[in-house]
Structure formats: C-alpha cells, structure tokens
Amino acid sequence: MNDSEVDQILRDCTSLKPKELIITDLKWKYLVRAIIRSKNVMIIGPSGCAKTMAARCVAQAFVEEKEETMTEEQLNLLKNTPNIKIERAEKV
C-alpha cells in the first residue's frame, strides 16, 4: 500500500468510528494508521476507560461481512471451526 492510499484511508476513516466510542478524531486516525501499517499500539489507562472497546471498534471497522454459498462437503469441514458463523439459507 503506497502513501497516497494510506492518506486517502486516513482522510475517510472518521466515518468508520462508531458513535458510542468517545475518542478524538486524531486518536482514531492514529489507531487506524497503526492497523494499516501493521504497527503495534499500547493502549493504557485506568479500568473502565474503554481501552478494549477502542481496540474492538478499530478491528471491526476493517472486517468485511461476507456471504458465500458452500457445498455440503465444505460445510461439514467448517462445522467445528471457531469464529465462523454458519447459517443455512432457505432455497428460493
């Protein structure tokens, strides 16, 4: 990812910030930039100041929900895999 792409993402990233997370735009952009550039961030603060919530929100901002159709064989292979949500769709 080149610098112009990173700059564009940072300009648009405030729209990804959830309303329930109270954080300045500058701090949000810092978190987003760290994710994009694969850098570590240490979030420190007292109990209950939403450190975990901030980390989850920035991670969720980059997760894409994706639906795909699978065969029965593929479905059976994934049944016992953690962190994968499997739903059966009704045939139309």
PDB file of N, CA and C in Angstrom:
ATOM      1  N   MET A   1       0.860  -1.168   0.000  1.00  0.00           N
ATOM      2  CA  MET A   1       0.000   0.000   0.000  1.00  0.00           C
ATOM      3  C   MET A   1       0.907   1.232   0.000  1.00  0.00           C
ATOM      4  N   ASN A   2       0.688   2.114  -0.976  1.00  0.00           N
ATOM      5  CA  ASN A   2       1.539   3.296  -1.051  1.00  0.00           C
ATOM      6  C   ASN A   2       1.005   4.426  -0.163  1.00  0.00           C
ATOM      7  N   ASP A   3       1.797   5.475  -0.037  1.00  0.00           N
ATOM      8  CA  ASP A   3       1.458   6.564   0.887  1.00  0.00           C
ATOM      9  C   ASP A   3       0.181   7.301   0.508  1.00  0.00           C
ATOM     10  N   SER A   4      -0.096   7.431  -0.786  1.00  0.00           N
ATOM     11  CA  SER A   4      -1.319   8.139  -1.187  1.00  0.00           C
ATOM     12  C   SER A   4      -2.569   7.345  -0.811  1.00  0.00           C
ATOM     13  N   GLU A   5      -2.491   6.018  -0.889  1.00  0.00           N
ATOM     14  CA  GLU A   5      -3.622   5.186  -0.472  1.00  0.00           C
ATOM     15  C   GLU A   5      -3.843   5.286   1.034  1.00  0.00           C
ATOM     16  N   VAL A   6      -2.747   5.287   1.790  1.00  0.00           N
ATOM     17  CA  VAL A   6      -2.849   5.430   3.248  1.00  0.00           C
ATOM     18  C   VAL A   6      -3.447   6.781   3.600  1.00  0.00           C
ATOM     19  N   ASP A   7      -2.987   7.838   2.927  1.00  0.00           N
ATOM     20  CA  ASP A   7      -3.525   9.181   3.176  1.00  0.00           C
ATOM     21  C   ASP A   7      -5.021   9.247   2.900  1.00  0.00           C
ATOM     22  N   GLN A   8      -5.466   8.613   1.814  1.00  0.00           N
ATOM     23  CA  GLN A   8      -6.894   8.613   1.471  1.00  0.00           C
ATOM     24  C   GLN A   8      -7.709   7.878   2.527  1.00  0.00           C
ATOM     25  N   ILE A   9      -7.214   6.749   2.987  1.00  0.00           N
ATOM     26  CA  ILE A   9      -7.915   5.992   4.027  1.00  0.00           C
ATOM     27  C   ILE A   9      -7.994   6.810   5.304  1.00  0.00           C
ATOM     28  N   LEU A  10      -6.911   7.485   5.674  1.00  0.00           N
ATOM     29  CA  LEU A  10      -6.911   8.296   6.892  1.00  0.00           C
ATOM     30  C   LEU A  10      -7.860   9.485   6.791  1.00  0.00           C
ATOM     31  N   ARG A  11      -8.004  10.042   5.586  1.00  0.00           N
ATOM     32  CA  ARG A  11      -8.971  11.143   5.411  1.00  0.00           C
ATOM     33  C   ARG A  11     -10.408  10.658   5.597  1.00  0.00           C
ATOM     34  N   ASP A  12     -10.678   9.431   5.163  1.00  0.00           N
ATOM     35  CA  ASP A  12     -12.045   8.907   5.187  1.00  0.00           C
ATOM     36  C   ASP A  12     -12.361   8.070   6.431  1.00  0.00           C
ATOM     37  N   CYS A  13     -11.389   7.813   7.284  1.00  0.00           N
ATOM     38  CA  CYS A  13     -11.585   6.851   8.365  1.00  0.00           C
ATOM     39  C   CYS A  13     -12.480   7.355   9.493  1.00  0.00           C
ATOM     40  N   THR A  14     -12.702   8.649   9.616  1.00  0.00           N
ATOM     41  CA  THR A  14     -13.558   9.121  10.707  1.00  0.00           C
ATOM     42  C   THR A  14     -14.993   8.638  10.529  1.00  0.00           C
ATOM     43  N   SER A  15     -15.383   8.304   9.314  1.00  0.00           N
ATOM     44  CA  SER A  15     -16.737   7.768   9.097  1.00  0.00           C
ATOM     45  C   SER A  15     -16.853   6.342   9.644  1.00  0.00           C
ATOM     46  N   LEU A  16     -15.727   5.661   9.865  1.00  0.00           N
ATOM     47  CA  LEU A  16     -15.744   4.302  10.406  1.00  0.00           C
ATOM     48  C   LEU A  16     -15.846   4.282  11.924  1.00  0.00           C
ATOM     49  N   LYS A  17     -15.622   5.428  12.552  1.00  0.00           N
ATOM     50  CA  LYS A  17     -15.628   5.489  14.021  1.00  0.00           C
ATOM     51  C   LYS A  17     -17.059   5.372  14.525  1.00  0.00           C
ATOM     52  N   PRO A  18     -17.331   4.398  15.409  1.00  0.00           N
ATOM     53  CA  PRO A  18     -18.688   4.258  15.941  1.00  0.00           C
ATOM     54  C   PRO A  18     -19.051   5.418  16.860  1.00  0.00           C
ATOM     55  N   LYS A  19     -20.333   5.766  16.872  1.00  0.00           N
ATOM     56  CA  LYS A  19     -20.801   6.906  17.675  1.00  0.00           C
ATOM     57  C   LYS A  19     -20.681   6.650  19.167  1.00  0.00           C
ATOM     58  N   GLU A  20     -20.778   5.394  19.596  1.00  0.00           N
ATOM     59  CA  GLU A  20     -20.723   5.107  21.030  1.00  0.00           C
ATOM     60  C   GLU A  20     -19.308   5.175  21.594  1.00  0.00           C
ATOM     61  N   LEU A  21     -18.291   5.223  20.736  1.00  0.00           N
ATOM     62  CA  LEU A  21     -16.906   5.324  21.188  1.00  0.00           C
ATOM     63  C   LEU A  21     -16.514   6.797  21.256  1.00  0.00           C
ATOM     64  N   ILE A  22     -16.224   7.268  22.460  1.00  0.00           N
ATOM     65  CA  ILE A  22     -15.841   8.663  22.638  1.00  0.00           C
ATOM     66  C   ILE A  22     -14.322   8.741  22.573  1.00  0.00           C
ATOM     67  N   ILE A  23     -13.823   9.181  21.422  1.00  0.00           N
ATOM     68  CA  ILE A  23     -12.385   9.284  21.166  1.00  0.00           C
ATOM     69  C   ILE A  23     -12.191  10.415  20.168  1.00  0.00           C
ATOM     70  N   THR A  24     -11.097  11.140  20.300  1.00  0.00           N
ATOM     71  CA  THR A  24     -10.854  12.232  19.354  1.00  0.00           C
ATOM     72  C   THR A  24     -10.559  11.664  17.974  1.00  0.00           C
ATOM     73  N   ASP A  25     -10.810  12.466  16.957  1.00  0.00           N
ATOM     74  CA  ASP A  25     -10.529  12.025  15.592  1.00  0.00           C
ATOM     75  C   ASP A  25      -9.042  11.737  15.396  1.00  0.00           C
ATOM     76  N   LEU A  26      -8.196  12.523  16.037  1.00  0.00           N
ATOM     77  CA  LEU A  26      -6.757  12.321  15.916  1.00  0.00           C
ATOM     78  C   LEU A  26      -6.328  10.964  16.484  1.00  0.00           C
ATOM     79  N   LYS A  27      -6.859  10.603  17.640  1.00  0.00           N
ATOM     80  CA  LYS A  27      -6.524   9.305  18.238  1.00  0.00           C
ATOM     81  C   LYS A  27      -7.084   8.156  17.404  1.00  0.00           C
ATOM     82  N   TRP A  28      -8.281   8.349  16.864  1.00  0.00           N
ATOM     83  CA  TRP A  28      -8.875   7.318  15.997  1.00  0.00           C
ATOM     84  C   TRP A  28      -8.005   7.114  14.756  1.00  0.00           C
ATOM     85  N   LYS A  29      -7.556   8.216  14.150  1.00  0.00           N
ATOM     86  CA  LYS A  29      -6.700   8.109  12.965  1.00  0.00           C
ATOM     87  C   LYS A  29      -5.380   7.425  13.306  1.00  0.00           C
ATOM     88  N   TYR A  30      -4.862   7.678  14.506  1.00  0.00           N
ATOM     89  CA  TYR A  30      -3.633   7.030  14.941  1.00  0.00           C
ATOM     90  C   TYR A  30      -3.823   5.515  15.019  1.00  0.00           C
ATOM     91  N   LEU A  31      -4.948   5.090  15.579  1.00  0.00           N
ATOM     92  CA  LEU A  31      -5.236   3.656  15.651  1.00  0.00           C
ATOM     93  C   LEU A  31      -5.372   3.045  14.260  1.00  0.00           C
ATOM     94  N   VAL A  32      -6.095   3.725  13.387  1.00  0.00           N
ATOM     95  CA  VAL A  32      -6.309   3.226  12.029  1.00  0.00           C
ATOM     96  C   VAL A  32      -4.977   3.133  11.291  1.00  0.00           C
ATOM     97  N   ARG A  33      -4.154   4.176  11.418  1.00  0.00           N
ATOM     98  CA  ARG A  33      -2.849   4.167  10.746  1.00  0.00           C
ATOM     99  C   ARG A  33      -1.981   3.016  11.246  1.00  0.00           C
ATOM    100  N   ALA A  34      -2.029   2.744  12.534  1.00  0.00           N
ATOM    101  CA  ALA A  34      -1.245   1.636  13.091  1.00  0.00           C
ATOM    102  C   ALA A  34      -1.701   0.299  12.509  1.00  0.00           C
ATOM    103  N   ILE A  35      -3.012   0.129  12.355  1.00  0.00           N
ATOM    104  CA  ILE A  35      -3.544  -1.106  11.760  1.00  0.00           C
ATOM    105  C   ILE A  35      -3.086  -1.239  10.308  1.00  0.00           C
ATOM    106  N   ILE A  36      -3.215  -0.154   9.553  1.00  0.00           N
ATOM    107  CA  ILE A  36      -2.863  -0.185   8.132  1.00  0.00           C
ATOM    108  C   ILE A  36      -1.381  -0.504   7.948  1.00  0.00           C
ATOM    109  N   ARG A  37      -0.545   0.058   8.781  1.00  0.00           N
ATOM    110  CA  ARG A  37       0.901  -0.123   8.640  1.00  0.00           C
ATOM    111  C   ARG A  37       1.440  -1.308   9.445  1.00  0.00           C
ATOM    112  N   SER A  38       0.549  -2.094  10.023  1.00  0.00           N
ATOM    113  CA  SER A  38       0.916  -3.287  10.802  1.00  0.00           C
ATOM    114  C   SER A  38       1.864  -2.964  11.955  1.00  0.00           C
ATOM    115  N   LYS A  39       1.555  -1.904  12.657  1.00  0.00           N
ATOM    116  CA  LYS A  39       2.352  -1.496  13.822  1.00  0.00           C
ATOM    117  C   LYS A  39       1.597  -1.844  15.097  1.00  0.00           C
ATOM    118  N   ASN A  40       2.330  -1.975  16.184  1.00  0.00           N
ATOM    119  CA  ASN A  40       1.724  -2.243  17.479  1.00  0.00           C
ATOM    120  C   ASN A  40       1.345  -0.937  18.160  1.00  0.00           C
ATOM    121  N   VAL A  41       0.282  -0.988  18.940  1.00  0.00           N
ATOM    122  CA  VAL A  41      -0.155   0.157  19.721  1.00  0.00           C
ATOM    123  C   VAL A  41      -0.386  -0.322  21.143  1.00  0.00           C
ATOM    124  N   MET A  42       0.132   0.425  22.107  1.00  0.00           N
ATOM    125  CA  MET A  42      -0.126   0.102  23.506  1.00  0.00           C
ATOM    126  C   MET A  42      -1.143   1.119  24.014  1.00  0.00           C
ATOM    127  N   ILE A  43      -2.297   0.625  24.409  1.00  0.00           N
ATOM    128  CA  ILE A  43      -3.352   1.488  24.943  1.00  0.00           C
ATOM    129  C   ILE A  43      -3.324   1.338  26.455  1.00  0.00           C
ATOM    130  N   ILE A  44      -3.087   2.434  27.143  1.00  0.00           N
ATOM    131  CA  ILE A  44      -3.019   2.379  28.600  1.00  0.00           C
ATOM    132  C   ILE A  44      -4.045   3.330  29.200  1.00  0.00           C
ATOM    133  N   GLY A  45      -4.486   3.006  30.373  1.00  0.00           N
ATOM    134  CA  GLY A  45      -5.449   3.846  31.077  1.00  0.00           C
ATOM    135  C   GLY A  45      -6.067   3.070  32.222  1.00  0.00           C
ATOM    136  N   PRO A  46      -6.847   3.760  33.040  1.00  0.00           N
ATOM    137  CA  PRO A  46      -7.478   3.091  34.177  1.00  0.00           C
ATOM    138  C   PRO A  46      -8.583   2.135  33.739  1.00  0.00           C
ATOM    139  N   SER A  47      -9.012   1.319  34.648  1.00  0.00           N
ATOM    140  CA  SER A  47     -10.105   0.385  34.380  1.00  0.00           C
ATOM    141  C   SER A  47     -11.345   1.141  33.932  1.00  0.00           C
ATOM    142  N   GLY A  48     -12.022   0.607  32.947  1.00  0.00           N
ATOM    143  CA  GLY A  48     -13.297   1.174  32.526  1.00  0.00           C
ATOM    144  C   GLY A  48     -13.203   2.380  31.612  1.00  0.00           C
ATOM    145  N   CYS A  49     -12.023   2.665  31.051  1.00  0.00           N
ATOM    146  CA  CYS A  49     -11.919   3.848  30.179  1.00  0.00           C
ATOM    147  C   CYS A  49     -12.059   3.485  28.703  1.00  0.00           C
ATOM    148  N   ALA A  50     -12.524   2.307  28.398  1.00  0.00           N
ATOM    149  CA  ALA A  50     -12.868   1.848  27.042  1.00  0.00           C
ATOM    150  C   ALA A  50     -11.657   1.492  26.183  1.00  0.00           C
ATOM    151  N   LYS A  51     -10.608   1.000  26.798  1.00  0.00           N
ATOM    152  CA  LYS A  51      -9.443   0.554  26.027  1.00  0.00           C
ATOM    153  C   LYS A  51      -9.816  -0.618  25.125  1.00  0.00           C
ATOM    154  N   THR A  52     -10.472  -1.607  25.698  1.00  0.00           N
ATOM    155  CA  THR A  52     -10.869  -2.786  24.935  1.00  0.00           C
ATOM    156  C   THR A  52     -11.896  -2.426  23.874  1.00  0.00           C
ATOM    157  N   MET A  53     -12.815  -1.561  24.212  1.00  0.00           N
ATOM    158  CA  MET A  53     -13.829  -1.140  23.251  1.00  0.00           C
ATOM    159  C   MET A  53     -13.187  -0.452  22.044  1.00  0.00           C
ATOM    160  N   ALA A  54     -12.195   0.397  22.284  1.00  0.00           N
ATOM    161  CA  ALA A  54     -11.498   1.082  21.188  1.00  0.00           C
ATOM    162  C   ALA A  54     -10.797   0.071  20.286  1.00  0.00           C
ATOM    163  N   ALA A  55     -10.132  -0.908  20.889  1.00  0.00           N
ATOM    164  CA  ALA A  55      -9.435  -1.926  20.107  1.00  0.00           C
ATOM    165  C   ALA A  55     -10.419  -2.758  19.284  1.00  0.00           C
ATOM    166  N   ARG A  56     -11.538  -3.127  19.891  1.00  0.00           N
ATOM    167  CA  ARG A  56     -12.541  -3.916  19.160  1.00  0.00           C
ATOM    168  C   ARG A  56     -13.174  -3.103  18.039  1.00  0.00           C
ATOM    169  N   CYS A  57     -13.450  -1.832  18.294  1.00  0.00           N
ATOM    170  CA  CYS A  57     -14.082  -0.989  17.277  1.00  0.00           C
ATOM    171  C   CYS A  57     -13.174  -0.775  16.076  1.00  0.00           C
ATOM    172  N   VAL A  58     -11.891  -0.545  16.316  1.00  0.00           N
ATOM    173  CA  VAL A  58     -10.980  -0.329  15.188  1.00  0.00           C
ATOM    174  C   VAL A  58     -10.789  -1.629  14.406  1.00  0.00           C
ATOM    175  N   ALA A  59     -10.799  -2.756  15.089  1.00  0.00           N
ATOM    176  CA  ALA A  59     -10.709  -4.036  14.382  1.00  0.00           C
ATOM    177  C   ALA A  59     -11.970  -4.290  13.573  1.00  0.00           C
ATOM    178  N   GLN A  60     -13.121  -4.012  14.164  1.00  0.00           N
ATOM    179  CA  GLN A  60     -14.407  -4.233  13.489  1.00  0.00           C
ATOM    180  C   GLN A  60     -14.573  -3.328  12.269  1.00  0.00           C
ATOM    181  N   ALA A  61     -13.932  -2.169  12.296  1.00  0.00           N
ATOM    182  CA  ALA A  61     -14.043  -1.241  11.169  1.00  0.00           C
ATOM    183  C   ALA A  61     -13.448  -1.826   9.894  1.00  0.00           C
ATOM    184  N   PHE A  62     -12.537  -2.784  10.043  1.00  0.00           N
ATOM    185  CA  PHE A  62     -11.889  -3.359   8.874  1.00  0.00           C
ATOM    186  C   PHE A  62     -12.361  -4.770   8.545  1.00  0.00           C
ATOM    187  N   VAL A  63     -13.338  -5.265   9.254  1.00  0.00           N
ATOM    188  CA  VAL A  63     -13.861  -6.601   8.991  1.00  0.00           C
ATOM    189  C   VAL A  63     -14.995  -6.491   7.978  1.00  0.00           C
ATOM    190  N   GLU A  64     -14.930  -7.317   6.967  1.00  0.00           N
ATOM    191  CA  GLU A  64     -15.994  -7.352   5.973  1.00  0.00           C
ATOM    192  C   GLU A  64     -16.867  -8.563   6.230  1.00  0.00           C
ATOM    193  N   GLU A  65     -18.156  -8.328   6.342  1.00  0.00           N
ATOM    194  CA  GLU A  65     -19.080  -9.459   6.427  1.00  0.00           C
ATOM    195  C   GLU A  65     -19.208 -10.014   5.020  1.00  0.00           C
ATOM    196  N   LYS A  66     -19.110 -11.304   4.906  1.00  0.00           N
ATOM    197  CA  LYS A  66     -19.111 -11.895   3.585  1.00  0.00           C
ATOM    198  C   LYS A  66     -19.990 -13.136   3.588  1.00  0.00           C
ATOM    199  N   GLU A  67     -20.811 -13.223   2.585  1.00  0.00           N
ATOM    200  CA  GLU A  67     -21.664 -14.394   2.435  1.00  0.00           C
ATOM    201  C   GLU A  67     -21.164 -15.200   1.251  1.00  0.00           C
ATOM    202  N   GLU A  68     -21.157 -16.503   1.408  1.00  0.00           N
ATOM    203  CA  GLU A  68     -20.802 -17.337   0.281  1.00  0.00           C
ATOM    204  C   GLU A  68     -21.573 -18.646   0.362  1.00  0.00           C
ATOM    205  N   THR A  69     -21.820 -19.213  -0.784  1.00  0.00           N
ATOM    206  CA  THR A  69     -22.551 -20.463  -0.869  1.00  0.00           C
ATOM    207  C   THR A  69     -21.548 -21.609  -0.851  1.00  0.00           C
ATOM    208  N   MET A  70     -21.862 -22.627  -0.056  1.00  0.00           N
ATOM    209  CA  MET A  70     -20.952 -23.765   0.080  1.00  0.00           C
ATOM    210  C   MET A  70     -21.670 -25.058  -0.223  1.00  0.00           C
ATOM    211  N   THR A  71     -20.887 -26.035  -0.587  1.00  0.00           N
ATOM    212  CA  THR A  71     -21.436 -27.371  -0.780  1.00  0.00           C
ATOM    213  C   THR A  71     -21.547 -28.033   0.588  1.00  0.00           C
ATOM    214  N   GLU A  72     -22.272 -29.127   0.670  1.00  0.00           N
ATOM    215  CA  GLU A  72     -22.409 -29.859   1.935  1.00  0.00           C
ATOM    216  C   GLU A  72     -21.047 -30.329   2.440  1.00  0.00           C
ATOM    217  N   GLU A  73     -20.187 -30.741   1.530  1.00  0.00           N
ATOM    218  CA  GLU A  73     -18.860 -31.214   1.916  1.00  0.00           C
ATOM    219  C   GLU A  73     -18.039 -30.082   2.558  1.00  0.00           C
ATOM    220  N   GLN A  74     -18.071 -28.905   1.960  1.00  0.00           N
ATOM    221  CA  GLN A  74     -17.363 -27.757   2.525  1.00  0.00           C
ATOM    222  C   GLN A  74     -17.952 -27.371   3.881  1.00  0.00           C
ATOM    223  N   LEU A  75     -19.259 -27.435   3.983  1.00  0.00           N
ATOM    224  CA  LEU A  75     -19.935 -27.094   5.229  1.00  0.00           C
ATOM    225  C   LEU A  75     -19.531 -28.045   6.349  1.00  0.00           C
ATOM    226  N   ASN A  76     -19.451 -29.323   6.055  1.00  0.00           N
ATOM    227  CA  ASN A  76     -19.050 -30.309   7.065  1.00  0.00           C
ATOM    228  C   ASN A  76     -17.616 -30.085   7.543  1.00  0.00           C
ATOM    229  N   LEU A  77     -16.734 -29.625   6.662  1.00  0.00           N
ATOM    230  CA  LEU A  77     -15.354 -29.355   7.058  1.00  0.00           C
ATOM    231  C   LEU A  77     -15.260 -28.164   8.012  1.00  0.00           C
ATOM    232  N   LEU A  78     -16.164 -27.186   7.856  1.00  0.00           N
ATOM    233  CA  LEU A  78     -16.107 -25.967   8.660  1.00  0.00           C
ATOM    234  C   LEU A  78     -16.954 -26.000   9.919  1.00  0.00           C
ATOM    235  N   LYS A  79     -17.734 -27.053  10.104  1.00  0.00           N
ATOM    236  CA  LYS A  79     -18.670 -27.109  11.228  1.00  0.00           C
ATOM    237  C   LYS A  79     -18.010 -26.850  12.578  1.00  0.00           C
ATOM    238  N   ASN A  80     -16.860 -27.421  12.818  1.00  0.00           N
ATOM    239  CA  ASN A  80     -16.218 -27.313  14.128  1.00  0.00           C
ATOM    240  C   ASN A  80     -15.134 -26.245  14.182  1.00  0.00           C
ATOM    241  N   THR A  81     -15.113 -25.332  13.208  1.00  0.00           N
ATOM    242  CA  THR A  81     -14.119 -24.262  13.197  1.00  0.00           C
ATOM    243  C   THR A  81     -14.622 -23.100  14.034  1.00  0.00           C
ATOM    244  N   PRO A  82     -13.818 -22.634  15.011  1.00  0.00           N
ATOM    245  CA  PRO A  82     -14.254 -21.493  15.822  1.00  0.00           C
ATOM    246  C   PRO A  82     -14.226 -20.198  15.002  1.00  0.00           C
ATOM    247  N   ASN A  83     -15.008 -19.223  15.414  1.00  0.00           N
ATOM    248  CA  ASN A  83     -15.046 -17.883  14.818  1.00  0.00           C
ATOM    249  C   ASN A  83     -15.640 -17.831  13.417  1.00  0.00           C
ATOM    250  N   ILE A  84     -16.316 -18.881  13.002  1.00  0.00           N
ATOM    251  CA  ILE A  84     -17.009 -18.843  11.718  1.00  0.00           C
ATOM    252  C   ILE A  84     -18.488 -19.066  11.985  1.00  0.00           C
ATOM    253  N   LYS A  85     -19.296 -18.124  11.556  1.00  0.00           N
ATOM    254  CA  LYS A  85     -20.738 -18.213  11.762  1.00  0.00           C
ATOM    255  C   LYS A  85     -21.360 -18.864  10.530  1.00  0.00           C
ATOM    256  N   ILE A  86     -22.048 -19.961  10.735  1.00  0.00           N
ATOM    257  CA  ILE A  86     -22.643 -20.701   9.630  1.00  0.00           C
ATOM    258  C   ILE A  86     -24.154 -20.692   9.786  1.00  0.00           C
ATOM    259  N   GLU A  87     -24.821 -20.240   8.755  1.00  0.00           N
ATOM    260  CA  GLU A  87     -26.293 -20.224   8.752  1.00  0.00           C
ATOM    261  C   GLU A  87     -26.771 -20.915   7.491  1.00  0.00           C
ATOM    262  N   ARG A  88     -27.841 -21.645   7.629  1.00  0.00           N
ATOM    263  CA  ARG A  88     -28.446 -22.289   6.454  1.00  0.00           C
ATOM    264  C   ARG A  88     -29.482 -21.337   5.856  1.00  0.00           C
ATOM    265  N   ALA A  89     -29.354 -21.119   4.583  1.00  0.00           N
ATOM    266  CA  ALA A  89     -30.314 -20.262   3.878  1.00  0.00           C
ATOM    267  C   ALA A  89     -31.362 -21.160   3.245  1.00  0.00           C
ATOM    268  N   GLU A  90     -32.578 -20.655   3.220  1.00  0.00           N
ATOM    269  CA  GLU A  90     -33.648 -21.423   2.586  1.00  0.00           C
ATOM    270  C   GLU A  90     -33.522 -21.302   1.086  1.00  0.00           C
ATOM    271  N   LYS A  91     -33.839 -22.386   0.400  1.00  0.00           N
ATOM    272  CA  LYS A  91     -33.777 -22.373  -1.067  1.00  0.00           C
ATOM    273  C   LYS A  91     -34.919 -21.534  -1.605  1.00  0.00           C
ATOM    274  N   VAL A  92     -34.589 -20.777  -2.610  1.00  0.00           N
ATOM    275  CA  VAL A  92     -35.590 -19.890  -3.237  1.00  0.00           C
ATOM    276  C   VAL A  92     -36.125 -20.508  -4.483  1.00  0.00           C
TER     277      VAL A  92
END
